[in-house]
C-alpha atoms as a PDB file:
ATOM      1  CA  UNK A   1     102.976 170.783 -15.542  1.00  0.00           C
ATOM      2  CA  UNK A   2     103.849 167.163 -16.110  1.00  0.00           C
ATOM      3  CA  UNK A   3     106.185 167.173 -13.156  1.00  0.00           C
ATOM      4  CA  UNK A   4     103.457 168.682 -11.059  1.00  0.00           C
ATOM      5  CA  UNK A   5     101.078 165.865 -11.971  1.00  0.00           C
ATOM      6  CA  UNK A   6     103.739 163.271 -11.242  1.00  0.00           C
ATOM      7  CA  UNK A   7     104.416 164.777  -7.863  1.00  0.00           C
ATOM      8  CA  UNK A   8     100.726 164.812  -7.143  1.00  0.00           C
ATOM      9  CA  UNK A   9     100.368 161.178  -8.137  1.00  0.00           C
ATOM     10  CA  UNK A  10     103.337 160.159  -6.056  1.00  0.00           C
ATOM     11  CA  UNK A  11     101.959 162.041  -3.088  1.00  0.00           C
ATOM     12  CA  UNK A  12      98.593 160.345  -3.462  1.00  0.00           C
ATOM     13  CA  UNK A  13     100.296 156.979  -3.646  1.00  0.00           C
ATOM     14  CA  UNK A  14     102.350 157.637  -0.542  1.00  0.00           C
ATOM     15  CA  UNK A  15      99.231 158.694   1.349  1.00  0.00           C
ATOM     16  CA  UNK A  16      97.412 155.598   0.217  1.00  0.00           C
ATOM     17  CA  UNK A  17     100.333 153.351   1.202  1.00  0.00           C
ATOM     18  CA  UNK A  18     100.591 155.055   4.567  1.00  0.00           C
ATOM     19  CA  UNK A  19      96.873 154.511   5.191  1.00  0.00           C
ATOM     20  CA  UNK A  20      97.115 150.846   4.285  1.00  0.00           C
ATOM     21  CA  UNK A  21     100.167 150.366   6.493  1.00  0.00           C
ATOM     22  CA  UNK A  22      98.599 152.175   9.418  1.00  0.00           C
ATOM     23  CA  UNK A  23      95.301 150.310   9.287  1.00  0.00           C
ATOM     24  CA  UNK A  24      96.750 146.811   8.798  1.00  0.00           C
ATOM     25  CA  UNK A  25      97.509 146.135  12.535  1.00  0.00           C
ATOM     26  CA  UNK A  26      94.088 147.367  13.519  1.00  0.00           C
ATOM     27  CA  UNK A  27      92.455 144.830  11.252  1.00  0.00           C
ATOM     28  CA  UNK A  28      94.676 142.038  12.740  1.00  0.00           C
ATOM     29  CA  UNK A  29      93.341 142.743  16.305  1.00  0.00           C
ATOM     30  CA  UNK A  30      89.703 142.151  15.478  1.00  0.00           C
ATOM     31  CA  UNK A  31      88.022 139.191  17.413  1.00  0.00           C
ATOM     32  CA  UNK A  32      85.735 136.822  15.621  1.00  0.00           C
ATOM     33  CA  UNK A  33      82.921 135.486  17.945  1.00  0.00           C
ATOM     34  CA  UNK A  34      81.992 131.807  17.473  1.00  0.00           C
ATOM     35  CA  UNK A  35      78.937 130.850  19.611  1.00  0.00           C
ATOM     36  CA  UNK A  36      79.451 127.086  19.182  1.00  0.00           C
ATOM     37  CA  UNK A  37      83.084 127.170  20.202  1.00  0.00           C
ATOM     38  CA  UNK A  38      82.251 129.429  23.141  1.00  0.00           C
ATOM     39  CA  UNK A  39      79.579 127.004  24.426  1.00  0.00           C
ATOM     40  CA  UNK A  40      81.962 124.073  24.190  1.00  0.00           C
ATOM     41  CA  UNK A  41      84.619 125.979  26.098  1.00  0.00           C
ATOM     42  CA  UNK A  42      82.113 126.850  28.838  1.00  0.00           C
ATOM     43  CA  UNK A  43      81.017 123.199  29.145  1.00  0.00           C
ATOM     44  CA  UNK A  44      84.618 122.047  29.297  1.00  0.00           C
ATOM     45  CA  UNK A  45      85.414 124.556  32.023  1.00  0.00           C
ATOM     46  CA  UNK A  46      82.314 123.490  33.992  1.00  0.00           C
ATOM     47  CA  UNK A  47      83.334 119.825  33.766  1.00  0.00           C
ATOM     48  CA  UNK A  48      86.824 120.619  34.936  1.00  0.00           C
ATOM     49  CA  UNK A  49      85.453 122.683  37.799  1.00  0.00           C
ATOM     50  CA  UNK A  50      83.161 119.800  38.831  1.00  0.00           C
ATOM     51  CA  UNK A  51      86.121 117.423  38.788  1.00  0.00           C
ATOM     52  CA  UNK A  52      88.059 119.778  41.010  1.00  0.00           C
ATOM     53  CA  UNK A  53      85.079 119.989  43.400  1.00  0.00           C
ATOM     54  CA  UNK A  54      84.834 116.192  43.447  1.00  0.00           C
ATOM     55  CA  UNK A  55      88.508 115.905  44.236  1.00  0.00           C
ATOM     56  CA  UNK A  56      88.175 118.443  47.034  1.00  0.00           C
ATOM     57  CA  UNK A  57      85.173 116.554  48.438  1.00  0.00           C
ATOM     58  CA  UNK A  58      87.137 113.305  48.235  1.00  0.00           C
ATOM     59  CA  UNK A  59      90.000 114.850  50.167  1.00  0.00           C
ATOM     60  CA  UNK A  60      87.563 116.125  52.787  1.00  0.00           C
ATOM     61  CA  UNK A  61      86.042 112.649  53.107  1.00  0.00           C
ATOM     62  CA  UNK A  62      89.472 111.098  53.506  1.00  0.00           C
ATOM     63  CA  UNK A  63      90.395 113.662  56.133  1.00  0.00           C
ATOM     64  CA  UNK A  64      87.146 112.953  58.006  1.00  0.00           C
ATOM     65  CA  UNK A  65      87.798 109.220  57.806  1.00  0.00           C
ATOM     66  CA  UNK A  66      91.314 109.666  59.189  1.00  0.00           C
ATOM     67  CA  UNK A  67      89.972 111.828  62.007  1.00  0.00           C
ATOM     68  CA  UNK A  68      87.350 109.180  62.855  1.00  0.00           C
ATOM     69  CA  UNK A  69      89.984 106.456  62.777  1.00  0.00           C
ATOM     70  CA  UNK A  70      92.144 108.511  65.093  1.00  0.00           C
ATOM     71  CA  UNK A  71      89.182 108.899  67.454  1.00  0.00           C
ATOM     72  CA  UNK A  72      88.491 105.176  67.321  1.00  0.00           C
ATOM     73  CA  UNK A  73      92.108 104.490  68.207  1.00  0.00           C
ATOM     74  CA  UNK A  74      92.261 107.144  70.930  1.00  0.00           C
ATOM     75  CA  UNK A  75      92.822 105.648  74.366  1.00  0.00           C
ATOM     76  CA  UNK A  76      90.464 106.361  77.242  1.00  0.00           C
ATOM     77  CA  UNK A  77      91.916 109.188  79.334  1.00  0.00           C
ATOM     78  CA  UNK A  78      90.550 107.661  82.570  1.00  0.00           C
ATOM     79  CA  UNK A  79      91.730 104.401  84.109  1.00  0.00           C
ATOM     80  CA  UNK A  80      90.451 102.638  87.232  1.00  0.00           C
ATOM     81  CA  UNK A  81      92.987  99.807  87.107  1.00  0.00           C
ATOM     82  CA  UNK A  82      95.081 101.184  89.977  1.00  0.00           C
ATOM     83  CA  UNK A  83      92.036 101.611  92.218  1.00  0.00           C
ATOM     84  CA  UNK A  84      90.792  98.110  91.413  1.00  0.00           C
ATOM     85  CA  UNK A  85      94.178  96.579  92.184  1.00  0.00           C
ATOM     86  CA  UNK A  86      94.339  98.496  95.470  1.00  0.00           C
ATOM     87  CA  UNK A  87      90.894  97.191  96.508  1.00  0.00           C
ATOM     88  CA  UNK A  88      91.841  93.607  95.677  1.00  0.00           C
ATOM     89  CA  UNK A  89      95.113  93.919  97.575  1.00  0.00           C
ATOM     90  CA  UNK A  90      93.311  95.228 100.668  1.00  0.00           C
ATOM     91  CA  UNK A  91      90.984  92.239 100.659  1.00  0.00           C
ATOM     92  CA  UNK A  92      93.868  89.828 100.092  1.00  0.00           C
ATOM     93  CA  UNK A  93      95.777  91.342 103.003  1.00  0.00           C
ATOM     94  CA  UNK A  94      92.796  90.811 105.286  1.00  0.00           C
ATOM     95  CA  UNK A  95      92.582  87.189 104.201  1.00  0.00           C
ATOM     96  CA  UNK A  96      96.301  86.598 104.778  1.00  0.00           C
ATOM     97  CA  UNK A  97      95.994  88.055 108.279  1.00  0.00           C
ATOM     98  CA  UNK A  98      93.859  85.108 109.358  1.00  0.00           C
ATOM     99  CA  UNK A  99      94.633  84.215 112.973  1.00  0.00           C
ATOM    100  CA  UNK A 100      95.648  80.820 114.325  1.00  0.00           C
ATOM    101  CA  UNK A 101      94.430  78.500 111.535  1.00  0.00           C
ATOM    102  CA  UNK A 102      95.428  80.182 108.265  1.00  0.00           C
ATOM    103  CA  UNK A 103      94.274  79.482 104.717  1.00  0.00           C
ATOM    104  CA  UNK A 104      96.813  76.715 104.285  1.00  0.00           C
ATOM    105  CA  UNK A 105      96.304  72.997 103.836  1.00  0.00           C
ATOM    106  CA  UNK A 106      99.389  72.237 105.912  1.00  0.00           C
ATOM    107  CA  UNK A 107      98.289  74.481 108.756  1.00  0.00           C
ATOM    108  CA  UNK A 108      94.792  72.998 108.752  1.00  0.00           C
ATOM    109  CA  UNK A 109      96.056  69.413 108.803  1.00  0.00           C
ATOM    110  CA  UNK A 110      98.458  70.202 111.642  1.00  0.00           C
ATOM    111  CA  UNK A 111      95.724  71.856 113.695  1.00  0.00           C
ATOM    112  CA  UNK A 112      93.317  68.978 113.198  1.00  0.00           C
ATOM    113  CA  UNK A 113      95.999  66.504 114.159  1.00  0.00           C
ATOM    114  CA  UNK A 114      96.778  68.353 117.388  1.00  0.00           C
ATOM    115  CA  UNK A 115      93.473  69.686 118.727  1.00  0.00           C
ATOM    116  CA  UNK A 116      90.864  68.053 116.493  1.00  0.00           C
ATOM    117  CA  UNK A 117      91.808  64.371 116.706  1.00  0.00           C
ATOM    118  CA  UNK A 118      89.431  61.712 115.543  1.00  0.00           C
ATOM    119  CA  UNK A 119      89.265  60.323 119.072  1.00  0.00           C
ATOM    120  CA  UNK A 120      90.877  60.595 122.488  1.00  0.00           C
ATOM    121  CA  UNK A 121      92.395  57.635 124.258  1.00  0.00           C
ATOM    122  CA  UNK A 122      91.338  56.720 127.759  1.00  0.00           C
ATOM    123  CA  UNK A 123      94.763  57.681 129.052  1.00  0.00           C
ATOM    124  CA  UNK A 124      94.483  61.308 127.940  1.00  0.00           C
ATOM    125  CA  UNK A 125      94.661  63.470 131.054  1.00  0.00           C
ATOM    126  CA  UNK A 126      91.845  65.861 131.825  1.00  0.00           C
ATOM    127  CA  UNK A 127      94.246  68.799 131.722  1.00  0.00           C
ATOM    128  CA  UNK A 128      95.015  67.986 128.075  1.00  0.00           C
ATOM    129  CA  UNK A 129      91.332  67.647 127.247  1.00  0.00           C
ATOM    130  CA  UNK A 130      90.634  71.007 128.851  1.00  0.00           C
ATOM    131  CA  UNK A 131      93.537  72.700 127.045  1.00  0.00           C
ATOM    132  CA  UNK A 132      92.413  71.347 123.676  1.00  0.00           C
ATOM    133  CA  UNK A 133      88.863  72.540 124.283  1.00  0.00           C
ATOM    134  CA  UNK A 134      90.175  75.994 125.157  1.00  0.00           C
ATOM    135  CA  UNK A 135      92.275  76.044 121.982  1.00  0.00           C
ATOM    136  CA  UNK A 136      89.304  75.075 119.818  1.00  0.00           C
ATOM    137  CA  UNK A 137      87.221  77.857 121.358  1.00  0.00           C
ATOM    138  CA  UNK A 138      89.983  80.365 120.654  1.00  0.00           C
ATOM    139  CA  UNK A 139      90.250  79.138 117.070  1.00  0.00           C
ATOM    140  CA  UNK A 140      86.528  79.591 116.494  1.00  0.00           C
ATOM    141  CA  UNK A 141      86.533  83.039 118.081  1.00  0.00           C
ATOM    142  CA  UNK A 142      89.502  84.167 115.988  1.00  0.00           C
ATOM    143  CA  UNK A 143      87.914  82.831 112.793  1.00  0.00           C
ATOM    144  CA  UNK A 144      84.690  84.756 113.408  1.00  0.00           C
ATOM    145  CA  UNK A 145      86.732  87.888 114.100  1.00  0.00           C
ATOM    146  CA  UNK A 146      88.677  87.372 110.859  1.00  0.00           C
ATOM    147  CA  UNK A 147      85.472  87.012 108.874  1.00  0.00           C
ATOM    148  CA  UNK A 148      84.200  90.295 110.280  1.00  0.00           C
ATOM    149  CA  UNK A 149      87.481  91.990 109.334  1.00  0.00           C
ATOM    150  CA  UNK A 150      87.010  90.846 105.756  1.00  0.00           C
ATOM    151  CA  UNK A 151      83.434  92.100 105.775  1.00  0.00           C
ATOM    152  CA  UNK A 152      84.604  95.515 106.969  1.00  0.00           C
ATOM    153  CA  UNK A 153      87.172  95.663 104.166  1.00  0.00           C
ATOM    154  CA  UNK A 154      84.566  94.790 101.562  1.00  0.00           C
ATOM    155  CA  UNK A 155      82.203  97.449 102.877  1.00  0.00           C
ATOM    156  CA  UNK A 156      85.000 100.009 102.681  1.00  0.00           C
ATOM    157  CA  UNK A 157      85.618  98.993  99.068  1.00  0.00           C
ATOM    158  CA  UNK A 158      82.002  99.781  98.215  1.00  0.00           C
ATOM    159  CA  UNK A 159      82.571 103.536  98.451  1.00  0.00           C
ATOM    160  CA  UNK A 160      85.547 103.292  96.107  1.00  0.00           C
ATOM    161  CA  UNK A 161      83.543 101.083  93.750  1.00  0.00           C
ATOM    162  CA  UNK A 162      80.734 103.633  93.580  1.00  0.00           C
ATOM    163  CA  UNK A 163      83.227 106.364  92.657  1.00  0.00           C
ATOM    164  CA  UNK A 164      84.753 104.206  89.932  1.00  0.00           C
ATOM    165  CA  UNK A 165      81.357 103.266  88.498  1.00  0.00           C
ATOM    166  CA  UNK A 166      80.315 106.905  88.195  1.00  0.00           C
ATOM    167  CA  UNK A 167      83.621 107.869  86.562  1.00  0.00           C
ATOM    168  CA  UNK A 168      83.539 104.972  84.093  1.00  0.00           C
ATOM    169  CA  UNK A 169      79.927 105.563  83.100  1.00  0.00           C
ATOM    170  CA  UNK A 170      80.701 109.239  82.515  1.00  0.00           C
ATOM    171  CA  UNK A 171      83.729 108.278  80.422  1.00  0.00           C
ATOM    172  CA  UNK A 172      81.749 105.800  78.351  1.00  0.00           C
ATOM    173  CA  UNK A 173      79.021 108.349  77.643  1.00  0.00           C
ATOM    174  CA  UNK A 174      81.561 110.919  76.456  1.00  0.00           C
ATOM    175  CA  UNK A 175      83.709 108.430  74.543  1.00  0.00           C
ATOM    176  CA  UNK A 176      84.862 109.809  71.195  1.00  0.00           C
ATOM    177  CA  UNK A 177      85.543 106.478  69.561  1.00  0.00           C
ATOM    178  CA  UNK A 178      85.043 102.739  69.649  1.00  0.00           C
ATOM    179  CA  UNK A 179      88.272 102.100  71.556  1.00  0.00           C
ATOM    180  CA  UNK A 180      87.342 104.445  74.383  1.00  0.00           C
ATOM    181  CA  UNK A 181      83.886 102.902  74.648  1.00  0.00           C
ATOM    182  CA  UNK A 182      85.385  99.404  74.680  1.00  0.00           C
ATOM    183  CA  UNK A 183      87.926 100.369  77.332  1.00  0.00           C
ATOM    184  CA  UNK A 184      85.182 101.846  79.506  1.00  0.00           C
ATOM    185  CA  UNK A 185      83.210  98.623  79.178  1.00  0.00           C
ATOM    186  CA  UNK A 186      86.262  96.518  79.983  1.00  0.00           C
ATOM    187  CA  UNK A 187      86.995  98.540  83.103  1.00  0.00           C
ATOM    188  CA  UNK A 188      83.378  98.231  84.228  1.00  0.00           C
ATOM    189  CA  UNK A 189      83.676  94.471  83.800  1.00  0.00           C
ATOM    190  CA  UNK A 190      86.893  94.564  85.799  1.00  0.00           C
ATOM    191  CA  UNK A 191      85.095  96.441  88.563  1.00  0.00           C
ATOM    192  CA  UNK A 192      82.330  93.835  88.550  1.00  0.00           C
ATOM    193  CA  UNK A 193      84.976  91.097  88.799  1.00  0.00           C
ATOM    194  CA  UNK A 194      86.584  92.880  91.750  1.00  0.00           C
ATOM    195  CA  UNK A 195      83.228  93.093  93.538  1.00  0.00           C
ATOM    196  CA  UNK A 196      82.619  89.418  92.828  1.00  0.00           C
ATOM    197  CA  UNK A 197      86.037  88.664  94.327  1.00  0.00           C
ATOM    198  CA  UNK A 198      85.054  90.625  97.443  1.00  0.00           C
ATOM    199  CA  UNK A 199      81.843  88.642  97.777  1.00  0.00           C
ATOM    200  CA  UNK A 200      83.791  85.409  97.328  1.00  0.00           C
ATOM    201  CA  UNK A 201      86.233  86.510 100.024  1.00  0.00           C
ATOM    202  CA  UNK A 202      83.410  87.207 102.470  1.00  0.00           C
ATOM    203  CA  UNK A 203      81.824  83.838 101.757  1.00  0.00           C
ATOM    204  CA  UNK A 204      85.172  82.089 102.192  1.00  0.00           C
ATOM    205  CA  UNK A 205      85.869  83.872 105.489  1.00  0.00           C
ATOM    206  CA  UNK A 206      82.426  83.089 106.866  1.00  0.00           C
ATOM    207  CA  UNK A 207      82.656  79.478 105.704  1.00  0.00           C
ATOM    208  CA  UNK A 208      86.048  79.176 107.386  1.00  0.00           C
ATOM    209  CA  UNK A 209      84.653  80.472 110.656  1.00  0.00           C
ATOM    210  CA  UNK A 210      81.641  78.170 110.490  1.00  0.00           C
ATOM    211  CA  UNK A 211      83.828  75.196 109.585  1.00  0.00           C
ATOM    212  CA  UNK A 212      86.192  75.795 112.511  1.00  0.00           C
ATOM    213  CA  UNK A 213      83.273  76.314 114.871  1.00  0.00           C
ATOM    214  CA  UNK A 214      81.537  73.200 113.569  1.00  0.00           C
ATOM    215  CA  UNK A 215      84.690  71.123 113.893  1.00  0.00           C
ATOM    216  CA  UNK A 216      85.094  72.368 117.460  1.00  0.00           C
ATOM    217  CA  UNK A 217      81.539  71.369 118.306  1.00  0.00           C
ATOM    218  CA  UNK A 218      82.045  67.875 116.923  1.00  0.00           C
ATOM    219  CA  UNK A 219      85.323  67.520 118.776  1.00  0.00           C
ATOM    220  CA  UNK A 220      83.672  68.697 121.975  1.00  0.00           C
ATOM    221  CA  UNK A 221      81.096  65.933 121.620  1.00  0.00           C
ATOM    222  CA  UNK A 222      83.819  63.341 121.159  1.00  0.00           C
ATOM    223  CA  UNK A 223      85.706  64.768 124.115  1.00  0.00           C
ATOM    224  CA  UNK A 224      82.596  64.731 126.288  1.00  0.00           C
ATOM    225  CA  UNK A 225      81.961  61.106 125.452  1.00  0.00           C
ATOM    226  CA  UNK A 226      85.523  60.190 126.424  1.00  0.00           C
ATOM    227  CA  UNK A 227      85.290  62.152 129.650  1.00  0.00           C
ATOM    228  CA  UNK A 228      82.039  60.409 130.502  1.00  0.00           C
ATOM    229  CA  UNK A 229      83.587  57.040 129.760  1.00  0.00           C
ATOM    230  CA  UNK A 230      86.576  57.894 131.935  1.00  0.00           C
ATOM    231  CA  UNK A 231      84.243  58.895 134.736  1.00  0.00           C
ATOM    232  CA  UNK A 232      82.217  55.692 134.511  1.00  0.00           C
ATOM    233  CA  UNK A 233      85.341  53.539 134.397  1.00  0.00           C
ATOM    234  CA  UNK A 234      87.112  55.374 137.229  1.00  0.00           C
ATOM    235  CA  UNK A 235      88.924  52.818 139.454  1.00  0.00           C
ATOM    236  CA  UNK A 236      87.566  49.527 140.705  1.00  0.00           C
ATOM    237  CA  UNK A 237      85.017  51.148 143.003  1.00  0.00           C
ATOM    238  CA  UNK A 238      84.120  49.962 146.502  1.00  0.00           C
ATOM    239  CA  UNK A 239      85.209  46.418 147.376  1.00  0.00           C
ATOM    240  CA  UNK A 240      83.551  44.771 150.470  1.00  0.00           C
ATOM    241  CA  UNK A 241      86.682  42.901 151.518  1.00  0.00           C
ATOM    242  CA  UNK A 242      88.718  46.059 151.616  1.00  0.00           C
ATOM    243  CA  UNK A 243      86.792  47.240 154.713  1.00  0.00           C
ATOM    244  CA  UNK A 244      88.558  44.574 156.880  1.00  0.00           C
ATOM    245  CA  UNK A 245      91.836  46.375 156.308  1.00  0.00           C
ATOM    246  CA  UNK A 246      90.692  49.148 158.620  1.00  0.00           C
ATOM    247  CA  UNK A 247      90.066  46.767 161.598  1.00  0.00           C
END
């Protein structure tokens, strides 16, 4: 009987121990909810998320700034420099093709010494006076022809200038950055300078022609005066005593 009670007690103890051992891990897995700690964790996570968003926004701003800087430094894809240089060279070639009296101080001085003298001596033969007058006429004619050649070249440049103006204005309106806009403006100024050079060339050519023509007119007056003087002073004239030589 006693042994039976002991066995029963031992069995009850083993069951109790087994229950305690089996339920101990389950009690260790329980979660204790702390509202204050939870709120602080949420606020901390929100602040960290905001910082991350700020950093992302900062990187986006830097990327945008770099893109804008790249656009500002981008070169204009269109250039009219070659066309402008070609127009200027055409006008210069027309000026260098000046006939007879060229755009040269030495050539001008030589021509004025030979056919535009300050005065003619009484011993200058009429054939020389006539030849010089013919040369001056040819010089004036050639100068007027040269000036018209230059005018034709300038008129031909106008069509090219109109094309360049339209292209540069279109480029400036579609410029993606400050550099492209500045380059468009600079090329437009270069085009204006080229047109001003054309106008200057026309004025110079016309002034040359007028100067040569005017110098020829003045020289013709001086020549006419000398010819008149030679005519009035021709020989000794009729002498009464010379008639006796025929008797």
